[in-house]
Amino acid sequence: MADSDDPPRKLYQLKPRDFERVNAAPSSDDTAAPGAPAEPGPIDVRDLARLAANGQPLLSPRRDPAPGRTDVHGVLQENLARANAAGLNDVDLTPRPPSRRKRDYWFCLVAGNAFIVGLVLLLGLNPMTVMFGFGGVIVFSVGLTWIMWFVMDRY
């Protein structure tokens, strides 16, 4: 028995093809005066060409800027003045303390490789343990170098 509580199935389909015409149809009246646009409707390329041929300006004259400071350079100057007043642009010239990273790197490198070599000597010298020990020394050294000099920051 089918459940009668299910909602009816939704059918989806594409919207019918309908294009909204934004601009009015171009006028076929090319008998207008040589310096004026054909009508106060949308701008046509032929109107712009006529205006350019007569030496008239193609764009409206520049308007006065809005009152107040909307100049980008002015806003940046104000931001710089605020940052200078807060002391954000002051440079600290005290020398940094020496880093302990180099000392820790050499200590870990010698201790880790000595542990691996000692483990190889403890297990006995045969080609298998020597090759695994050599591989362990290489992987440990490369990994420690990567972590200490490329991943970690100065401390």
N, C-alpha and C. Protein backbone atom coordinates (compact mmCIF):
# COMPACT_ATOMS: atom_id res chain seq x y z
N MET A 1 0.84 -1.17 0.00
CA MET A 1 0.00 0.00 0.00
C MET A 1 0.89 1.24 0.00
N ALA A 2 0.62 2.18 -0.84
CA ALA A 2 1.43 3.39 -0.97
C ALA A 2 1.07 4.38 0.13
N ASP A 3 2.07 5.13 0.56
CA ASP A 3 1.84 6.15 1.58
C ASP A 3 1.09 7.31 0.95
N SER A 4 0.03 7.73 1.59
CA SER A 4 -0.72 8.87 1.06
C SER A 4 -0.24 10.18 1.66
N ASP A 5 0.78 10.14 2.56
CA ASP A 5 1.28 11.35 3.21
C ASP A 5 2.33 12.08 2.39
N ASP A 6 2.78 11.48 1.31
CA ASP A 6 3.82 12.11 0.50
C ASP A 6 3.26 13.34 -0.22
N PRO A 7 4.05 14.41 -0.28
CA PRO A 7 3.57 15.59 -1.01
C PRO A 7 3.58 15.32 -2.51
N PRO A 8 2.81 16.09 -3.26
CA PRO A 8 2.81 15.86 -4.72
C PRO A 8 4.19 16.17 -5.30
N ARG A 9 4.51 15.48 -6.35
CA ARG A 9 5.81 15.61 -6.99
C ARG A 9 5.94 16.98 -7.65
N LYS A 10 7.12 17.62 -7.47
CA LYS A 10 7.37 18.92 -8.09
C LYS A 10 7.94 18.71 -9.48
N LEU A 11 7.44 19.46 -10.42
CA LEU A 11 7.94 19.39 -11.78
C LEU A 11 8.72 20.66 -12.08
N TYR A 12 9.95 20.51 -12.50
CA TYR A 12 10.80 21.65 -12.84
C TYR A 12 10.95 21.72 -14.35
N GLN A 13 10.96 22.93 -14.88
CA GLN A 13 11.17 23.11 -16.31
C GLN A 13 11.81 24.47 -16.54
N LEU A 14 12.34 24.64 -17.70
CA LEU A 14 12.98 25.89 -18.05
C LEU A 14 11.94 26.96 -18.34
N LYS A 15 12.33 28.18 -18.10
CA LYS A 15 11.47 29.32 -18.35
C LYS A 15 11.31 29.49 -19.86
N PRO A 16 10.15 29.92 -20.33
CA PRO A 16 9.99 30.09 -21.79
C PRO A 16 10.91 31.19 -22.31
N ARG A 17 11.33 31.06 -23.53
CA ARG A 17 12.23 32.04 -24.15
C ARG A 17 11.48 33.34 -24.36
N ASP A 18 11.94 34.34 -23.64
CA ASP A 18 11.33 35.65 -23.78
C ASP A 18 12.42 36.67 -23.49
N PHE A 19 12.69 37.52 -24.43
CA PHE A 19 13.73 38.51 -24.29
C PHE A 19 13.10 39.87 -24.06
N GLU A 20 13.54 40.52 -23.01
CA GLU A 20 13.04 41.85 -22.72
C GLU A 20 13.86 42.86 -23.52
N ARG A 21 13.21 43.70 -24.23
CA ARG A 21 13.89 44.69 -25.03
C ARG A 21 14.14 45.91 -24.16
N VAL A 22 15.42 46.20 -23.91
CA VAL A 22 15.78 47.31 -23.05
C VAL A 22 15.85 48.60 -23.85
N ASN A 23 16.50 48.58 -24.98
CA ASN A 23 16.60 49.76 -25.83
C ASN A 23 15.46 49.78 -26.84
N ALA A 24 15.06 50.96 -27.18
CA ALA A 24 14.05 51.08 -28.21
C ALA A 24 14.64 50.66 -29.56
N ALA A 25 13.78 50.31 -30.45
CA ALA A 25 14.24 49.90 -31.77
C ALA A 25 14.95 51.06 -32.44
N PRO A 26 16.07 50.80 -33.12
CA PRO A 26 16.79 51.90 -33.76
C PRO A 26 15.94 52.55 -34.84
N SER A 27 16.07 53.85 -34.89
CA SER A 27 15.28 54.57 -35.90
C SER A 27 15.99 54.51 -37.24
N SER A 28 15.22 54.41 -38.26
CA SER A 28 15.80 54.36 -39.60
C SER A 28 15.84 55.75 -40.22
N ASP A 29 15.67 56.77 -39.38
CA ASP A 29 15.64 58.14 -39.88
C ASP A 29 17.05 58.72 -39.86
N ASP A 30 17.74 58.64 -40.97
CA ASP A 30 19.10 59.17 -41.09
C ASP A 30 19.10 60.57 -41.69
N THR A 31 17.94 61.21 -41.72
CA THR A 31 17.85 62.54 -42.33
C THR A 31 17.94 63.65 -41.28
N ALA A 32 18.38 63.31 -40.06
CA ALA A 32 18.47 64.31 -39.00
C ALA A 32 19.59 65.28 -39.32
N ALA A 33 19.62 66.37 -38.58
CA ALA A 33 20.66 67.38 -38.79
C ALA A 33 22.03 66.75 -38.56
N PRO A 34 23.06 67.22 -39.27
CA PRO A 34 24.35 66.55 -39.18
C PRO A 34 25.02 66.67 -37.82
N GLY A 35 24.64 67.56 -36.96
CA GLY A 35 25.33 67.68 -35.68
C GLY A 35 24.52 67.23 -34.50
N ALA A 36 23.27 66.89 -34.68
CA ALA A 36 22.40 66.58 -33.55
C ALA A 36 22.05 65.11 -33.57
N PRO A 37 21.79 64.56 -32.40
CA PRO A 37 21.35 63.17 -32.37
C PRO A 37 19.96 63.05 -32.98
N ALA A 38 19.61 61.88 -33.45
CA ALA A 38 18.35 61.68 -34.16
C ALA A 38 17.16 61.92 -33.25
N GLU A 39 17.19 61.41 -32.03
CA GLU A 39 16.09 61.60 -31.09
C GLU A 39 16.64 61.43 -29.68
N PRO A 40 15.90 61.85 -28.68
CA PRO A 40 16.42 61.75 -27.32
C PRO A 40 16.39 60.34 -26.74
N GLY A 41 16.40 59.32 -27.53
CA GLY A 41 16.35 57.93 -27.08
C GLY A 41 17.77 57.38 -26.83
N PRO A 42 17.93 56.13 -27.09
CA PRO A 42 19.24 55.52 -26.87
C PRO A 42 20.29 56.07 -27.84
N ILE A 43 21.54 56.03 -27.41
CA ILE A 43 22.64 56.55 -28.22
C ILE A 43 22.98 55.54 -29.30
N ASP A 44 23.16 56.03 -30.49
CA ASP A 44 23.52 55.19 -31.62
C ASP A 44 24.96 55.53 -32.02
N VAL A 45 25.64 54.59 -32.60
CA VAL A 45 27.02 54.81 -33.03
C VAL A 45 27.08 55.90 -34.10
N ARG A 46 26.09 55.95 -34.94
CA ARG A 46 26.10 56.98 -35.99
C ARG A 46 25.98 58.37 -35.39
N ASP A 47 25.20 58.50 -34.29
CA ASP A 47 25.10 59.80 -33.60
C ASP A 47 26.46 60.22 -33.04
N LEU A 48 27.17 59.28 -32.44
CA LEU A 48 28.49 59.60 -31.90
C LEU A 48 29.45 59.99 -33.01
N ALA A 49 29.36 59.31 -34.14
CA ALA A 49 30.24 59.66 -35.25
C ALA A 49 29.93 61.05 -35.77
N ARG A 50 28.63 61.42 -35.84
CA ARG A 50 28.26 62.77 -36.29
C ARG A 50 28.79 63.82 -35.32
N LEU A 51 28.65 63.56 -34.00
CA LEU A 51 29.13 64.53 -33.01
C LEU A 51 30.65 64.67 -33.07
N ALA A 52 31.34 63.57 -33.29
CA ALA A 52 32.80 63.62 -33.36
C ALA A 52 33.26 64.36 -34.60
N ALA A 53 32.52 64.24 -35.69
CA ALA A 53 32.89 64.93 -36.93
C ALA A 53 32.75 66.44 -36.79
N ASN A 54 31.79 66.89 -35.98
CA ASN A 54 31.58 68.33 -35.81
C ASN A 54 32.44 68.93 -34.70
N GLY A 55 33.18 68.12 -33.98
CA GLY A 55 34.05 68.64 -32.93
C GLY A 55 33.33 68.92 -31.63
N GLN A 56 32.11 68.48 -31.46
CA GLN A 56 31.39 68.69 -30.21
C GLN A 56 31.84 67.64 -29.19
N PRO A 57 31.75 67.97 -27.88
CA PRO A 57 32.16 66.99 -26.87
C PRO A 57 31.21 65.81 -26.85
N LEU A 58 31.76 64.61 -26.73
CA LEU A 58 30.95 63.41 -26.74
C LEU A 58 30.33 63.11 -25.38
N LEU A 59 30.99 63.55 -24.32
CA LEU A 59 30.49 63.29 -22.98
C LEU A 59 30.06 64.59 -22.33
N SER A 60 29.25 64.47 -21.30
CA SER A 60 28.82 65.67 -20.60
C SER A 60 29.99 66.26 -19.83
N PRO A 61 29.98 67.57 -19.57
CA PRO A 61 31.09 68.18 -18.85
C PRO A 61 31.20 67.62 -17.43
N ARG A 62 32.41 67.69 -16.86
CA ARG A 62 32.67 67.14 -15.55
C ARG A 62 31.94 67.95 -14.48
N ARG A 63 31.29 67.23 -13.57
CA ARG A 63 30.58 67.90 -12.49
C ARG A 63 31.53 68.19 -11.34
N ASP A 64 31.16 69.15 -10.50
CA ASP A 64 31.96 69.44 -9.31
C ASP A 64 31.86 68.28 -8.34
N PRO A 65 32.95 67.97 -7.62
CA PRO A 65 32.89 66.86 -6.68
C PRO A 65 31.94 67.18 -5.53
N ALA A 66 31.48 66.15 -4.91
CA ALA A 66 30.56 66.31 -3.78
C ALA A 66 31.29 67.02 -2.64
N PRO A 67 30.57 67.76 -1.82
CA PRO A 67 31.23 68.44 -0.70
C PRO A 67 31.81 67.42 0.27
N GLY A 68 32.88 67.80 0.92
CA GLY A 68 33.56 66.89 1.83
C GLY A 68 34.77 66.29 1.15
N ARG A 69 35.47 65.46 1.86
CA ARG A 69 36.72 64.91 1.36
C ARG A 69 36.48 63.52 0.80
N THR A 70 36.35 63.40 -0.50
CA THR A 70 36.18 62.10 -1.14
C THR A 70 37.41 61.72 -1.95
N ASP A 71 38.45 62.49 -1.80
CA ASP A 71 39.69 62.27 -2.52
C ASP A 71 40.42 61.07 -1.90
N VAL A 72 40.86 60.12 -2.73
CA VAL A 72 41.54 58.93 -2.23
C VAL A 72 42.82 59.29 -1.52
N HIS A 73 43.59 60.20 -2.09
CA HIS A 73 44.84 60.59 -1.46
C HIS A 73 44.58 61.27 -0.11
N GLY A 74 43.51 62.03 -0.03
CA GLY A 74 43.17 62.67 1.23
C GLY A 74 42.82 61.65 2.30
N VAL A 75 42.05 60.63 1.93
CA VAL A 75 41.68 59.59 2.88
C VAL A 75 42.92 58.83 3.33
N LEU A 76 43.83 58.56 2.39
CA LEU A 76 45.05 57.86 2.77
C LEU A 76 45.93 58.71 3.68
N GLN A 77 45.98 60.02 3.45
CA GLN A 77 46.73 60.91 4.34
C GLN A 77 46.14 60.90 5.75
N GLU A 78 44.81 60.90 5.85
CA GLU A 78 44.18 60.84 7.17
C GLU A 78 44.50 59.52 7.87
N ASN A 79 44.45 58.42 7.14
CA ASN A 79 44.79 57.12 7.73
C ASN A 79 46.24 57.09 8.21
N LEU A 80 47.15 57.67 7.41
CA LEU A 80 48.55 57.71 7.80
C LEU A 80 48.75 58.56 9.04
N ALA A 81 48.05 59.69 9.13
CA ALA A 81 48.17 60.55 10.31
C ALA A 81 47.68 59.82 11.55
N ARG A 82 46.56 59.08 11.44
CA ARG A 82 46.05 58.32 12.58
C ARG A 82 47.03 57.23 13.00
N ALA A 83 47.62 56.52 12.02
CA ALA A 83 48.58 55.45 12.34
C ALA A 83 49.83 56.03 12.98
N ASN A 84 50.30 57.17 12.50
CA ASN A 84 51.47 57.80 13.10
C ASN A 84 51.18 58.25 14.52
N ALA A 85 49.98 58.78 14.76
CA ALA A 85 49.62 59.22 16.10
C ALA A 85 49.52 58.04 17.07
N ALA A 86 49.09 56.89 16.57
CA ALA A 86 48.99 55.70 17.43
C ALA A 86 50.32 55.00 17.59
N GLY A 87 51.34 55.41 16.82
CA GLY A 87 52.67 54.80 16.93
C GLY A 87 52.82 53.50 16.18
N LEU A 88 51.95 53.25 15.20
CA LEU A 88 52.02 52.00 14.45
C LEU A 88 53.17 51.98 13.45
N ASN A 89 53.67 53.14 13.05
CA ASN A 89 54.73 53.20 12.05
C ASN A 89 56.10 53.44 12.67
N ASP A 90 56.21 53.40 14.00
CA ASP A 90 57.51 53.57 14.65
C ASP A 90 58.33 52.29 14.47
N VAL A 91 59.61 52.45 14.19
CA VAL A 91 60.50 51.31 13.94
C VAL A 91 61.30 51.04 15.20
N ASP A 92 61.31 49.77 15.63
CA ASP A 92 62.06 49.36 16.79
C ASP A 92 63.45 48.92 16.34
N LEU A 93 64.48 49.62 16.78
CA LEU A 93 65.84 49.34 16.32
C LEU A 93 66.66 48.54 17.33
N THR A 94 66.04 47.99 18.36
CA THR A 94 66.80 47.18 19.30
C THR A 94 67.17 45.87 18.64
N PRO A 95 68.40 45.37 18.87
CA PRO A 95 68.82 44.13 18.22
C PRO A 95 68.04 42.94 18.78
N ARG A 96 67.79 42.01 17.90
CA ARG A 96 67.06 40.81 18.31
C ARG A 96 67.98 39.93 19.14
N PRO A 97 67.43 39.22 20.09
CA PRO A 97 68.28 38.30 20.87
C PRO A 97 68.75 37.16 19.97
N PRO A 98 69.90 36.60 20.26
CA PRO A 98 70.40 35.51 19.41
C PRO A 98 69.47 34.30 19.49
N SER A 99 69.33 33.63 18.37
CA SER A 99 68.43 32.49 18.28
C SER A 99 69.11 31.23 18.81
N ARG A 100 68.32 30.39 19.47
CA ARG A 100 68.85 29.12 19.97
C ARG A 100 68.60 27.99 18.96
N ARG A 101 68.12 28.34 17.81
CA ARG A 101 67.74 27.33 16.84
C ARG A 101 68.95 26.54 16.33
N LYS A 102 70.04 27.24 16.04
CA LYS A 102 71.23 26.54 15.52
C LYS A 102 71.78 25.55 16.54
N ARG A 103 71.84 25.97 17.82
CA ARG A 103 72.34 25.08 18.86
C ARG A 103 71.42 23.88 19.02
N ASP A 104 70.12 24.10 19.04
CA ASP A 104 69.17 22.99 19.18
C ASP A 104 69.22 22.07 17.97
N TYR A 105 69.43 22.62 16.78
CA TYR A 105 69.50 21.80 15.57
C TYR A 105 70.69 20.84 15.65
N TRP A 106 71.86 21.37 15.97
CA TRP A 106 73.04 20.51 16.01
C TRP A 106 72.94 19.48 17.14
N PHE A 107 72.37 19.87 18.27
CA PHE A 107 72.20 18.91 19.37
C PHE A 107 71.27 17.78 18.96
N CYS A 108 70.11 18.12 18.37
CA CYS A 108 69.16 17.08 17.95
C CYS A 108 69.72 16.22 16.83
N LEU A 109 70.46 16.83 15.90
CA LEU A 109 71.04 16.07 14.79
C LEU A 109 72.05 15.04 15.30
N VAL A 110 72.96 15.48 16.18
CA VAL A 110 73.98 14.56 16.70
C VAL A 110 73.33 13.50 17.59
N ALA A 111 72.40 13.91 18.47
CA ALA A 111 71.78 12.95 19.39
C ALA A 111 70.93 11.94 18.62
N GLY A 112 70.14 12.38 17.65
CA GLY A 112 69.28 11.47 16.90
C GLY A 112 70.07 10.50 16.04
N ASN A 113 71.10 11.01 15.36
CA ASN A 113 71.91 10.12 14.53
C ASN A 113 72.73 9.17 15.39
N ALA A 114 73.21 9.62 16.56
CA ALA A 114 73.94 8.72 17.47
C ALA A 114 73.01 7.62 17.99
N PHE A 115 71.74 7.96 18.24
CA PHE A 115 70.79 6.94 18.68
C PHE A 115 70.57 5.89 17.60
N ILE A 116 70.42 6.34 16.36
CA ILE A 116 70.20 5.39 15.26
C ILE A 116 71.43 4.51 15.05
N VAL A 117 72.63 5.11 15.07
CA VAL A 117 73.86 4.33 14.88
C VAL A 117 74.04 3.37 16.05
N GLY A 118 73.75 3.82 17.28
CA GLY A 118 73.85 2.93 18.44
C GLY A 118 72.89 1.77 18.35
N LEU A 119 71.69 2.02 17.85
CA LEU A 119 70.71 0.95 17.68
C LEU A 119 71.19 -0.07 16.65
N VAL A 120 71.82 0.41 15.57
CA VAL A 120 72.37 -0.50 14.56
C VAL A 120 73.49 -1.34 15.15
N LEU A 121 74.37 -0.72 15.95
CA LEU A 121 75.47 -1.46 16.57
C LEU A 121 74.94 -2.46 17.60
N LEU A 122 73.87 -2.09 18.31
CA LEU A 122 73.29 -2.97 19.31
C LEU A 122 72.65 -4.19 18.67
N LEU A 123 72.01 -4.03 17.51
CA LEU A 123 71.35 -5.14 16.83
C LEU A 123 72.33 -6.02 16.08
N GLY A 124 73.52 -5.56 15.84
CA GLY A 124 74.52 -6.36 15.14
C GLY A 124 74.75 -5.81 13.75
N LEU A 125 76.00 -5.94 13.32
CA LEU A 125 76.37 -5.42 12.00
C LEU A 125 76.15 -6.50 10.95
N ASN A 126 75.09 -6.36 10.21
CA ASN A 126 74.85 -7.17 9.02
C ASN A 126 74.32 -6.22 7.96
N PRO A 127 74.34 -6.63 6.71
CA PRO A 127 73.96 -5.69 5.64
C PRO A 127 72.55 -5.11 5.81
N MET A 128 71.63 -5.88 6.38
CA MET A 128 70.26 -5.40 6.52
C MET A 128 70.18 -4.27 7.55
N THR A 129 70.75 -4.46 8.71
CA THR A 129 70.68 -3.43 9.74
C THR A 129 71.48 -2.19 9.35
N VAL A 130 72.61 -2.37 8.66
CA VAL A 130 73.42 -1.23 8.22
C VAL A 130 72.64 -0.40 7.19
N MET A 131 71.98 -1.05 6.25
CA MET A 131 71.22 -0.31 5.23
C MET A 131 70.01 0.40 5.86
N PHE A 132 69.31 -0.29 6.76
CA PHE A 132 68.19 0.37 7.44
C PHE A 132 68.67 1.52 8.30
N GLY A 133 69.81 1.33 8.97
CA GLY A 133 70.37 2.41 9.79
C GLY A 133 70.79 3.60 8.94
N PHE A 134 71.42 3.32 7.79
CA PHE A 134 71.82 4.39 6.89
C PHE A 134 70.59 5.16 6.37
N GLY A 135 69.55 4.41 6.01
CA GLY A 135 68.30 5.04 5.57
C GLY A 135 67.66 5.85 6.69
N GLY A 136 67.70 5.35 7.91
CA GLY A 136 67.15 6.07 9.05
C GLY A 136 67.89 7.37 9.32
N VAL A 137 69.24 7.32 9.20
CA VAL A 137 70.04 8.53 9.39
C VAL A 137 69.68 9.58 8.34
N ILE A 138 69.52 9.17 7.09
CA ILE A 138 69.19 10.11 6.01
C ILE A 138 67.80 10.71 6.23
N VAL A 139 66.81 9.87 6.51
CA VAL A 139 65.45 10.37 6.70
C VAL A 139 65.38 11.30 7.90
N PHE A 140 66.03 10.89 9.01
CA PHE A 140 66.01 11.74 10.21
C PHE A 140 66.71 13.07 9.96
N SER A 141 67.86 13.05 9.29
CA SER A 141 68.60 14.29 9.05
C SER A 141 67.83 15.24 8.13
N VAL A 142 67.28 14.72 7.05
CA VAL A 142 66.52 15.55 6.13
C VAL A 142 65.25 16.09 6.79
N GLY A 143 64.56 15.24 7.53
CA GLY A 143 63.34 15.67 8.21
C GLY A 143 63.62 16.73 9.27
N LEU A 144 64.66 16.53 10.07
CA LEU A 144 65.00 17.51 11.09
C LEU A 144 65.42 18.84 10.46
N THR A 145 66.20 18.77 9.38
CA THR A 145 66.61 20.00 8.70
C THR A 145 65.40 20.73 8.16
N TRP A 146 64.48 20.03 7.54
CA TRP A 146 63.27 20.65 6.99
C TRP A 146 62.45 21.31 8.10
N ILE A 147 62.25 20.60 9.18
CA ILE A 147 61.43 21.15 10.26
C ILE A 147 62.10 22.35 10.92
N MET A 148 63.39 22.23 11.23
CA MET A 148 64.06 23.29 11.99
C MET A 148 64.29 24.56 11.16
N TRP A 149 64.58 24.45 9.87
CA TRP A 149 64.95 25.63 9.09
C TRP A 149 63.87 26.12 8.14
N PHE A 150 62.88 25.29 7.82
CA PHE A 150 61.87 25.73 6.86
C PHE A 150 60.46 25.81 7.45
N VAL A 151 60.15 24.98 8.45
CA VAL A 151 58.82 25.00 9.02
C VAL A 151 58.77 25.90 10.25
N MET A 152 59.74 25.76 11.13
CA MET A 152 59.73 26.55 12.37
C MET A 152 60.21 27.97 12.12
N ASP A 153 59.72 28.87 12.95
CA ASP A 153 60.12 30.27 12.90
C ASP A 153 61.26 30.47 13.89
N ARG A 154 61.87 31.64 13.84
CA ARG A 154 62.92 31.95 14.82
C ARG A 154 62.35 31.92 16.22
N TYR A 155 63.12 31.36 17.15
CA TYR A 155 62.68 31.40 18.54
C TYR A 155 63.85 31.73 19.43
